[in-house]
PDB file of N, CA and C in Angstrom:
ATOM      1  N   UNK A   1       1.055  -1.486  -0.523  1.00  0.00           N
ATOM      2  CA  UNK A   1       0.431   0.515   0.012  1.00  0.00           C
ATOM      3  C   UNK A   1       0.739   1.475   0.189  1.00  0.00           C
ATOM      4  N   UNK A   2       0.680   2.586  -0.845  1.00  0.00           N
ATOM      5  CA  UNK A   2       1.691   2.960  -1.004  1.00  0.00           C
ATOM      6  C   UNK A   2       0.828   4.004   0.267  1.00  0.00           C
ATOM      7  N   UNK A   3      -0.148   4.063   0.604  1.00  0.00           N
ATOM      8  CA  UNK A   3       0.062   4.960   2.129  1.00  0.00           C
ATOM      9  C   UNK A   3       0.772   4.835   2.911  1.00  0.00           C
ATOM     10  N   UNK A   4       1.755   3.134   3.596  1.00  0.00           N
ATOM     11  CA  UNK A   4       2.281   3.170   3.857  1.00  0.00           C
ATOM     12  C   UNK A   4       3.778   2.876   3.984  1.00  0.00           C
ATOM     13  N   UNK A   5       3.831   3.476   2.629  1.00  0.00           N
ATOM     14  CA  UNK A   5       5.255   4.305   2.327  1.00  0.00           C
ATOM     15  C   UNK A   5       5.319   5.672   2.980  1.00  0.00           C
ATOM     16  N   UNK A   6       4.872   6.811   2.271  1.00  0.00           N
ATOM     17  CA  UNK A   6       3.954   7.662   2.616  1.00  0.00           C
ATOM     18  C   UNK A   6       4.740   8.103   3.516  1.00  0.00           C
ATOM     19  N   UNK A   7       4.114   7.446   4.801  1.00  0.00           N
ATOM     20  CA  UNK A   7       3.900   7.208   6.132  1.00  0.00           C
ATOM     21  C   UNK A   7       4.994   7.403   7.123  1.00  0.00           C
ATOM     22  N   UNK A   8       6.153   6.135   6.054  1.00  0.00           N
ATOM     23  CA  UNK A   8       7.965   6.399   6.601  1.00  0.00           C
ATOM     24  C   UNK A   8       8.108   7.004   5.983  1.00  0.00           C
ATOM     25  N   UNK A   9       7.880   7.787   5.077  1.00  0.00           N
ATOM     26  CA  UNK A   9       8.671   8.978   4.688  1.00  0.00           C
ATOM     27  C   UNK A   9       8.675  10.025   5.596  1.00  0.00           C
ATOM     28  N   UNK A  10       7.489  10.325   6.021  1.00  0.00           N
ATOM     29  CA  UNK A  10       6.525  12.051   6.791  1.00  0.00           C
ATOM     30  C   UNK A  10       7.546  12.045   7.813  1.00  0.00           C
ATOM     31  N   UNK A  11       6.938  11.017   8.622  1.00  0.00           N
ATOM     32  CA  UNK A  11       7.260  10.311  10.144  1.00  0.00           C
ATOM     33  C   UNK A  11       8.327  10.952  11.017  1.00  0.00           C
ATOM     34  N   UNK A  12       9.566  10.448  10.456  1.00  0.00           N
ATOM     35  CA  UNK A  12      11.348  10.825  10.537  1.00  0.00           C
ATOM     36  C   UNK A  12      10.742  12.593  10.528  1.00  0.00           C
ATOM     37  N   UNK A  13      11.053  13.769   9.324  1.00  0.00           N
ATOM     38  CA  UNK A  13      10.378  14.320   8.803  1.00  0.00           C
ATOM     39  C   UNK A  13       9.509  15.540   9.869  1.00  0.00           C
ATOM     40  N   UNK A  14       8.688  15.099  11.006  1.00  0.00           N
ATOM     41  CA  UNK A  14       7.980  15.924  12.054  1.00  0.00           C
ATOM     42  C   UNK A  14       8.565  16.854  13.121  1.00  0.00           C
ATOM     43  N   UNK A  15       9.078  15.725  13.603  1.00  0.00           N
ATOM     44  CA  UNK A  15       9.962  17.526  13.761  1.00  0.00           C
ATOM     45  C   UNK A  15      10.932  18.716  13.604  1.00  0.00           C
ATOM     46  N   UNK A  16      11.635  18.200  12.262  1.00  0.00           N
ATOM     47  CA  UNK A  16      12.779  18.792  11.519  1.00  0.00           C
ATOM     48  C   UNK A  16      12.242  20.561  11.501  1.00  0.00           C
ATOM     49  N   UNK A  17      13.266  21.491  12.272  1.00  0.00           N
ATOM     50  CA  UNK A  17      13.615  22.573  12.461  1.00  0.00           C
ATOM     51  C   UNK A  17      13.157  24.040  11.081  1.00  0.00           C
ATOM     52  N   UNK A  18      13.410  23.129  10.015  1.00  0.00           N
ATOM     53  CA  UNK A  18      13.755  24.068   8.478  1.00  0.00           C
ATOM     54  C   UNK A  18      12.644  24.079   8.839  1.00  0.00           C
ATOM     55  N   UNK A  19      11.232  24.968   7.474  1.00  0.00           N
ATOM     56  CA  UNK A  19      10.551  26.391   7.783  1.00  0.00           C
ATOM     57  C   UNK A  19      10.210  24.955   6.265  1.00  0.00           C
ATOM     58  N   UNK A  20      10.958  25.190   5.389  1.00  0.00           N
ATOM     59  CA  UNK A  20      10.211  24.435   4.052  1.00  0.00           C
ATOM     60  C   UNK A  20       9.927  23.213   4.286  1.00  0.00           C
ATOM     61  N   UNK A  21      11.144  21.644   4.803  1.00  0.00           N
ATOM     62  CA  UNK A  21      11.303  20.967   4.987  1.00  0.00           C
ATOM     63  C   UNK A  21       9.299  20.722   5.924  1.00  0.00           C
ATOM     64  N   UNK A  22       8.542  22.016   6.447  1.00  0.00           N
ATOM     65  CA  UNK A  22       7.317  21.100   7.354  1.00  0.00           C
ATOM     66  C   UNK A  22       6.410  22.093   6.447  1.00  0.00           C
ATOM     67  N   UNK A  23       7.271  23.246   5.154  1.00  0.00           N
ATOM     68  CA  UNK A  23       5.944  23.047   4.617  1.00  0.00           C
ATOM     69  C   UNK A  23       5.799  21.678   3.543  1.00  0.00           C
ATOM     70  N   UNK A  24       7.144  21.835   2.714  1.00  0.00           N
ATOM     71  CA  UNK A  24       7.236  19.391   2.289  1.00  0.00           C
ATOM     72  C   UNK A  24       5.920  19.173   3.187  1.00  0.00           C
ATOM     73  N   UNK A  25       6.199  18.689   4.318  1.00  0.00           N
ATOM     74  CA  UNK A  25       5.576  18.124   5.064  1.00  0.00           C
ATOM     75  C   UNK A  25       3.334  18.475   4.591  1.00  0.00           C
ATOM     76  N   UNK A  26       3.753  19.663   5.174  1.00  0.00           N
ATOM     77  CA  UNK A  26       2.656  19.501   5.345  1.00  0.00           C
ATOM     78  C   UNK A  26       1.765  19.264   3.578  1.00  0.00           C
ATOM     79  N   UNK A  27       2.212  19.637   2.376  1.00  0.00           N
ATOM     80  CA  UNK A  27       1.846  19.699   0.823  1.00  0.00           C
ATOM     81  C   UNK A  27       1.825  18.201   1.200  1.00  0.00           C
ATOM     82  N   UNK A  28       2.819  17.206   1.949  1.00  0.00           N
ATOM     83  CA  UNK A  28       2.530  15.645   1.812  1.00  0.00           C
ATOM     84  C   UNK A  28       1.428  14.861   2.274  1.00  0.00           C
ATOM     85  N   UNK A  29       0.938  15.765   3.668  1.00  0.00           N
ATOM     86  CA  UNK A  29      -0.136  16.012   3.928  1.00  0.00           C
ATOM     87  C   UNK A  29      -0.953  16.155   3.906  1.00  0.00           C
ATOM     88  N   UNK A  30      -1.771  16.896   2.499  1.00  0.00           N
ATOM     89  CA  UNK A  30      -2.176  17.038   2.109  1.00  0.00           C
ATOM     90  C   UNK A  30      -2.595  16.557   0.622  1.00  0.00           C
ATOM     91  N   UNK A  31      -1.939  16.014  -0.096  1.00  0.00           N
ATOM     92  CA  UNK A  31      -2.103  14.960  -0.532  1.00  0.00           C
ATOM     93  C   UNK A  31      -2.693  13.830  -0.426  1.00  0.00           C
ATOM     94  N   UNK A  32      -1.585  13.390   0.340  1.00  0.00           N
ATOM     95  CA  UNK A  32      -2.218  11.841   0.866  1.00  0.00           C
ATOM     96  C   UNK A  32      -3.864  11.789   1.660  1.00  0.00           C
ATOM     97  N   UNK A  33      -3.631  13.209   2.066  1.00  0.00           N
ATOM     98  CA  UNK A  33      -5.074  13.029   2.153  1.00  0.00           C
ATOM     99  C   UNK A  33      -6.528  13.509   1.520  1.00  0.00           C
ATOM    100  N   UNK A  34      -6.102  13.759   0.223  1.00  0.00           N
ATOM    101  CA  UNK A  34      -6.598  13.630  -1.108  1.00  0.00           C
ATOM    102  C   UNK A  34      -6.454  12.118  -1.145  1.00  0.00           C
ATOM    103  N   UNK A  35      -5.743  11.384  -1.409  1.00  0.00           N
ATOM    104  CA  UNK A  35      -5.667   9.974  -2.069  1.00  0.00           C
ATOM    105  C   UNK A  35      -6.449   8.857  -0.491  1.00  0.00           C
ATOM    106  N   UNK A  36      -5.914   9.537   0.371  1.00  0.00           N
ATOM    107  CA  UNK A  36      -6.761   8.161   1.673  1.00  0.00           C
ATOM    108  C   UNK A  36      -7.190   9.064   2.665  1.00  0.00           C
ATOM    109  N   UNK A  37      -7.987   9.488   2.609  1.00  0.00           N
ATOM    110  CA  UNK A  37      -8.895  10.142   3.630  1.00  0.00           C
ATOM    111  C   UNK A  37      -8.748   9.619   5.141  1.00  0.00           C
ATOM    112  N   UNK A  38      -9.170   8.748   5.000  1.00  0.00           N
ATOM    113  CA  UNK A  38      -9.421   8.247   6.499  1.00  0.00           C
ATOM    114  C   UNK A  38      -8.486   7.685   7.222  1.00  0.00           C
ATOM    115  N   UNK A  39      -7.314   6.725   6.153  1.00  0.00           N
ATOM    116  CA  UNK A  39      -5.855   6.451   6.687  1.00  0.00           C
ATOM    117  C   UNK A  39      -5.239   7.733   7.617  1.00  0.00           C
ATOM    118  N   UNK A  40      -5.419   9.016   6.427  1.00  0.00           N
ATOM    119  CA  UNK A  40      -4.838  10.473   6.806  1.00  0.00           C
ATOM    120  C   UNK A  40      -4.832  11.277   7.844  1.00  0.00           C
ATOM    121  N   UNK A  41      -6.317  11.057   8.092  1.00  0.00           N
ATOM    122  CA  UNK A  41      -6.730  11.078   9.142  1.00  0.00           C
ATOM    123  C   UNK A  41      -6.954  10.634   9.944  1.00  0.00           C
ATOM    124  N   UNK A  42      -6.534   9.058  10.452  1.00  0.00           N
ATOM    125  CA  UNK A  42      -5.428   8.119  12.246  1.00  0.00           C
ATOM    126  C   UNK A  42      -4.366   8.873  11.579  1.00  0.00           C
ATOM    127  N   UNK A  43      -4.051   9.353  11.406  1.00  0.00           N
ATOM    128  CA  UNK A  43      -1.974   9.700  11.398  1.00  0.00           C
ATOM    129  C   UNK A  43      -2.571  10.697  12.375  1.00  0.00           C
ATOM    130  N   UNK A  44      -3.700  12.202  11.223  1.00  0.00           N
ATOM    131  CA  UNK A  44      -3.309  13.025  12.226  1.00  0.00           C
ATOM    132  C   UNK A  44      -3.577  12.860  13.756  1.00  0.00           C
ATOM    133  N   UNK A  45      -4.528  12.291  14.542  1.00  0.00           N
ATOM    134  CA  UNK A  45      -4.778  11.648  15.126  1.00  0.00           C
ATOM    135  C   UNK A  45      -3.947  11.336  16.163  1.00  0.00           C
ATOM    136  N   UNK A  46      -3.078  10.267  15.303  1.00  0.00           N
ATOM    137  CA  UNK A  46      -2.716   9.881  16.053  1.00  0.00           C
ATOM    138  C   UNK A  46      -0.411  11.240  16.650  1.00  0.00           C
ATOM    139  N   UNK A  47      -0.638  12.064  15.463  1.00  0.00           N
ATOM    140  CA  UNK A  47       0.836  12.860  15.619  1.00  0.00           C
ATOM    141  C   UNK A  47      -0.455  13.538  15.430  1.00  0.00           C
ATOM    142  N   UNK A  48      -0.741  14.879  16.212  1.00  0.00           N
ATOM    143  CA  UNK A  48      -1.383  15.683  16.482  1.00  0.00           C
ATOM    144  C   UNK A  48      -0.915  16.023  17.033  1.00  0.00           C
ATOM    145  N   UNK A  49       0.277  15.493  17.917  1.00  0.00           N
ATOM    146  CA  UNK A  49       0.629  16.397  18.913  1.00  0.00           C
ATOM    147  C   UNK A  49       2.373  16.695  17.969  1.00  0.00           C
ATOM    148  N   UNK A  50       2.097  16.404  17.636  1.00  0.00           N
ATOM    149  CA  UNK A  50       3.875  16.598  16.975  1.00  0.00           C
ATOM    150  C   UNK A  50       3.877  17.810  15.174  1.00  0.00           C
ATOM    151  N   UNK A  51       2.607  17.660  14.479  1.00  0.00           N
ATOM    152  CA  UNK A  51       2.376  17.844  13.457  1.00  0.00           C
ATOM    153  C   UNK A  51       3.154  19.375  14.058  1.00  0.00           C
ATOM    154  N   UNK A  52       4.025  20.491  13.131  1.00  0.00           N
ATOM    155  CA  UNK A  52       3.949  21.897  13.683  1.00  0.00           C
ATOM    156  C   UNK A  52       3.008  23.083  12.308  1.00  0.00           C
ATOM    157  N   UNK A  53       3.212  24.095  13.500  1.00  0.00           N
ATOM    158  CA  UNK A  53       1.860  25.385  12.757  1.00  0.00           C
ATOM    159  C   UNK A  53       2.059  24.748  11.355  1.00  0.00           C
ATOM    160  N   UNK A  54       2.569  25.094  11.157  1.00  0.00           N
ATOM    161  CA  UNK A  54       3.737  25.049   9.636  1.00  0.00           C
ATOM    162  C   UNK A  54       2.962  24.580   8.784  1.00  0.00           C
ATOM    163  N   UNK A  55       3.516  22.861   8.954  1.00  0.00           N
ATOM    164  CA  UNK A  55       2.800  21.491   8.543  1.00  0.00           C
ATOM    165  C   UNK A  55       1.163  21.144   8.480  1.00  0.00           C
ATOM    166  N   UNK A  56       0.340  22.238   9.837  1.00  0.00           N
ATOM    167  CA  UNK A  56      -0.206  21.969   9.808  1.00  0.00           C
ATOM    168  C   UNK A  56      -1.338  22.324   9.210  1.00  0.00           C
ATOM    169  N   UNK A  57      -1.560  23.908   9.095  1.00  0.00           N
ATOM    170  CA  UNK A  57      -1.735  24.341   7.827  1.00  0.00           C
ATOM    171  C   UNK A  57      -2.136  24.349   6.479  1.00  0.00           C
ATOM    172  N   UNK A  58      -0.765  24.002   6.449  1.00  0.00           N
ATOM    173  CA  UNK A  58      -0.460  23.989   4.427  1.00  0.00           C
ATOM    174  C   UNK A  58      -1.284  22.578   4.338  1.00  0.00           C
ATOM    175  N   UNK A  59      -1.727  20.967   5.126  1.00  0.00           N
ATOM    176  CA  UNK A  59      -2.090  20.407   5.099  1.00  0.00           C
ATOM    177  C   UNK A  59      -3.711  19.737   5.163  1.00  0.00           C
ATOM    178  N   UNK A  60      -3.973  20.902   5.136  1.00  0.00           N
ATOM    179  CA  UNK A  60      -5.454  21.488   5.780  1.00  0.00           C
ATOM    180  C   UNK A  60      -6.373  21.874   4.942  1.00  0.00           C
ATOM    181  N   UNK A  61      -5.230  22.656   3.239  1.00  0.00           N
ATOM    182  CA  UNK A  61      -6.187  23.121   2.961  1.00  0.00           C
ATOM    183  C   UNK A  61      -6.575  23.481   2.271  1.00  0.00           C
ATOM    184  N   UNK A  62      -7.127  22.222   1.087  1.00  0.00           N
ATOM    185  CA  UNK A  62      -8.184  20.819   0.556  1.00  0.00           C
ATOM    186  C   UNK A  62      -8.909  20.939   1.344  1.00  0.00           C
ATOM    187  N   UNK A  63      -9.206  20.121   3.065  1.00  0.00           N
ATOM    188  CA  UNK A  63     -10.312  20.068   3.226  1.00  0.00           C
ATOM    189  C   UNK A  63     -11.508  19.878   3.613  1.00  0.00           C
ATOM    190  N   UNK A  64     -12.366  19.983   4.263  1.00  0.00           N
ATOM    191  CA  UNK A  64     -13.415  19.535   3.563  1.00  0.00           C
ATOM    192  C   UNK A  64     -14.047  20.868   5.103  1.00  0.00           C
ATOM    193  N   UNK A  65     -14.495  22.013   5.996  1.00  0.00           N
ATOM    194  CA  UNK A  65     -14.583  22.156   7.026  1.00  0.00           C
ATOM    195  C   UNK A  65     -14.702  22.389   8.331  1.00  0.00           C
ATOM    196  N   UNK A  66     -15.639  20.588   7.871  1.00  0.00           N
ATOM    197  CA  UNK A  66     -16.162  19.787   8.359  1.00  0.00           C
ATOM    198  C   UNK A  66     -15.001  19.103   9.536  1.00  0.00           C
ATOM    199  N   UNK A  67     -14.202  17.956   8.326  1.00  0.00           N
ATOM    200  CA  UNK A  67     -13.220  17.248   9.104  1.00  0.00           C
ATOM    201  C   UNK A  67     -11.638  18.725   9.640  1.00  0.00           C
ATOM    202  N   UNK A  68     -11.797  20.061   9.305  1.00  0.00           N
ATOM    203  CA  UNK A  68     -10.814  21.059   9.494  1.00  0.00           C
ATOM    204  C   UNK A  68     -11.157  21.080  11.783  1.00  0.00           C
ATOM    205  N   UNK A  69     -12.440  21.937  11.140  1.00  0.00           N
ATOM    206  CA  UNK A  69     -12.786  21.374  12.557  1.00  0.00           C
ATOM    207  C   UNK A  69     -12.404  20.554  13.605  1.00  0.00           C
ATOM    208  N   UNK A  70     -12.438  19.766  13.106  1.00  0.00           N
ATOM    209  CA  UNK A  70     -12.798  18.142  14.125  1.00  0.00           C
ATOM    210  C   UNK A  70     -11.024  18.350  14.196  1.00  0.00           C
ATOM    211  N   UNK A  71     -10.653  18.457  13.063  1.00  0.00           N
ATOM    212  CA  UNK A  71      -8.883  18.788  13.235  1.00  0.00           C
ATOM    213  C   UNK A  71      -8.354  19.672  14.377  1.00  0.00           C
ATOM    214  N   UNK A  72      -8.837  21.365  14.221  1.00  0.00           N
ATOM    215  CA  UNK A  72      -8.601  22.015  14.944  1.00  0.00           C
ATOM    216  C   UNK A  72      -8.970  22.006  16.546  1.00  0.00           C
ATOM    217  N   UNK A  73      -9.540  21.902  16.501  1.00  0.00           N
ATOM    218  CA  UNK A  73     -10.956  21.008  17.894  1.00  0.00           C
ATOM    219  C   UNK A  73      -9.460  19.993  18.693  1.00  0.00           C
ATOM    220  N   UNK A  74      -9.316  19.152  17.912  1.00  0.00           N
ATOM    221  CA  UNK A  74      -8.591  17.953  18.374  1.00  0.00           C
ATOM    222  C   UNK A  74      -6.749  18.585  18.804  1.00  0.00           C
ATOM    223  N   UNK A  75      -6.405  19.807  18.663  1.00  0.00           N
ATOM    224  CA  UNK A  75      -5.050  20.399  18.130  1.00  0.00           C
ATOM    225  C   UNK A  75      -5.164  21.693  19.224  1.00  0.00           C
ATOM    226  N   UNK A  76      -6.149  21.584  19.560  1.00  0.00           N
ATOM    227  CA  UNK A  76      -6.572  22.695  20.857  1.00  0.00           C
ATOM    228  C   UNK A  76      -7.391  21.997  22.196  1.00  0.00           C
ATOM    229  N   UNK A  77      -7.783  21.080  22.784  1.00  0.00           N
ATOM    230  CA  UNK A  77      -7.669  20.420  23.677  1.00  0.00           C
ATOM    231  C   UNK A  77      -6.794  19.500  23.721  1.00  0.00           C
ATOM    232  N   UNK A  78      -5.884  19.359  22.622  1.00  0.00           N
ATOM    233  CA  UNK A  78      -3.852  18.807  22.920  1.00  0.00           C
ATOM    234  C   UNK A  78      -4.019  19.623  23.613  1.00  0.00           C
ATOM    235  N   UNK A  79      -2.989  20.996  23.304  1.00  0.00           N
ATOM    236  CA  UNK A  79      -1.732  21.642  23.394  1.00  0.00           C
ATOM    237  C   UNK A  79      -3.005  22.386  25.442  1.00  0.00           C
ATOM    238  N   UNK A  80      -4.112  22.625  25.018  1.00  0.00           N
ATOM    239  CA  UNK A  80      -4.400  22.604  26.184  1.00  0.00           C
ATOM    240  C   UNK A  80      -4.361  21.774  27.520  1.00  0.00           C
ATOM    241  N   UNK A  81      -4.425  21.116  27.173  1.00  0.00           N
ATOM    242  CA  UNK A  81      -3.937  19.554  28.368  1.00  0.00           C
ATOM    243  C   UNK A  81      -3.152  19.662  28.454  1.00  0.00           C
ATOM    244  N   UNK A  82      -1.664  20.137  27.664  1.00  0.00           N
ATOM    245  CA  UNK A  82      -0.265  20.239  27.891  1.00  0.00           C
ATOM    246  C   UNK A  82      -0.021  21.358  28.614  1.00  0.00           C
ATOM    247  N   UNK A  83      -1.009  22.387  28.262  1.00  0.00           N
ATOM    248  CA  UNK A  83      -0.806  23.276  29.271  1.00  0.00           C
ATOM    249  C   UNK A  83      -1.052  23.449  30.586  1.00  0.00           C
ATOM    250  N   UNK A  84      -1.956  22.192  31.273  1.00  0.00           N
ATOM    251  CA  UNK A  84      -2.116  22.379  32.595  1.00  0.00           C
ATOM    252  C   UNK A  84      -1.570  21.372  33.430  1.00  0.00           C
ATOM    253  N   UNK A  85      -0.812  20.667  32.586  1.00  0.00           N
ATOM    254  CA  UNK A  85      -0.441  19.851  33.135  1.00  0.00           C
ATOM    255  C   UNK A  85       1.280  20.065  33.973  1.00  0.00           C
TER     256      UNK A  85
END
């Protein structure tokens, strides 16, 4: 499955600090969502705490508003819980 190959390439780059690497991660996630929406949403849920704001914004460009809202809420919830601890 192509998703598994893409997943393996993207995950190590989540922590890269370079702006354009993060833009690329976001673009890759965006295109991965176009081809494999269910798997990519699971990936977002699994890695929501690792995806930078740059990659997150780029990845959301073509998502349906309802999906965007769910992921934004999940990200906000995660960030709020880490601030409390």
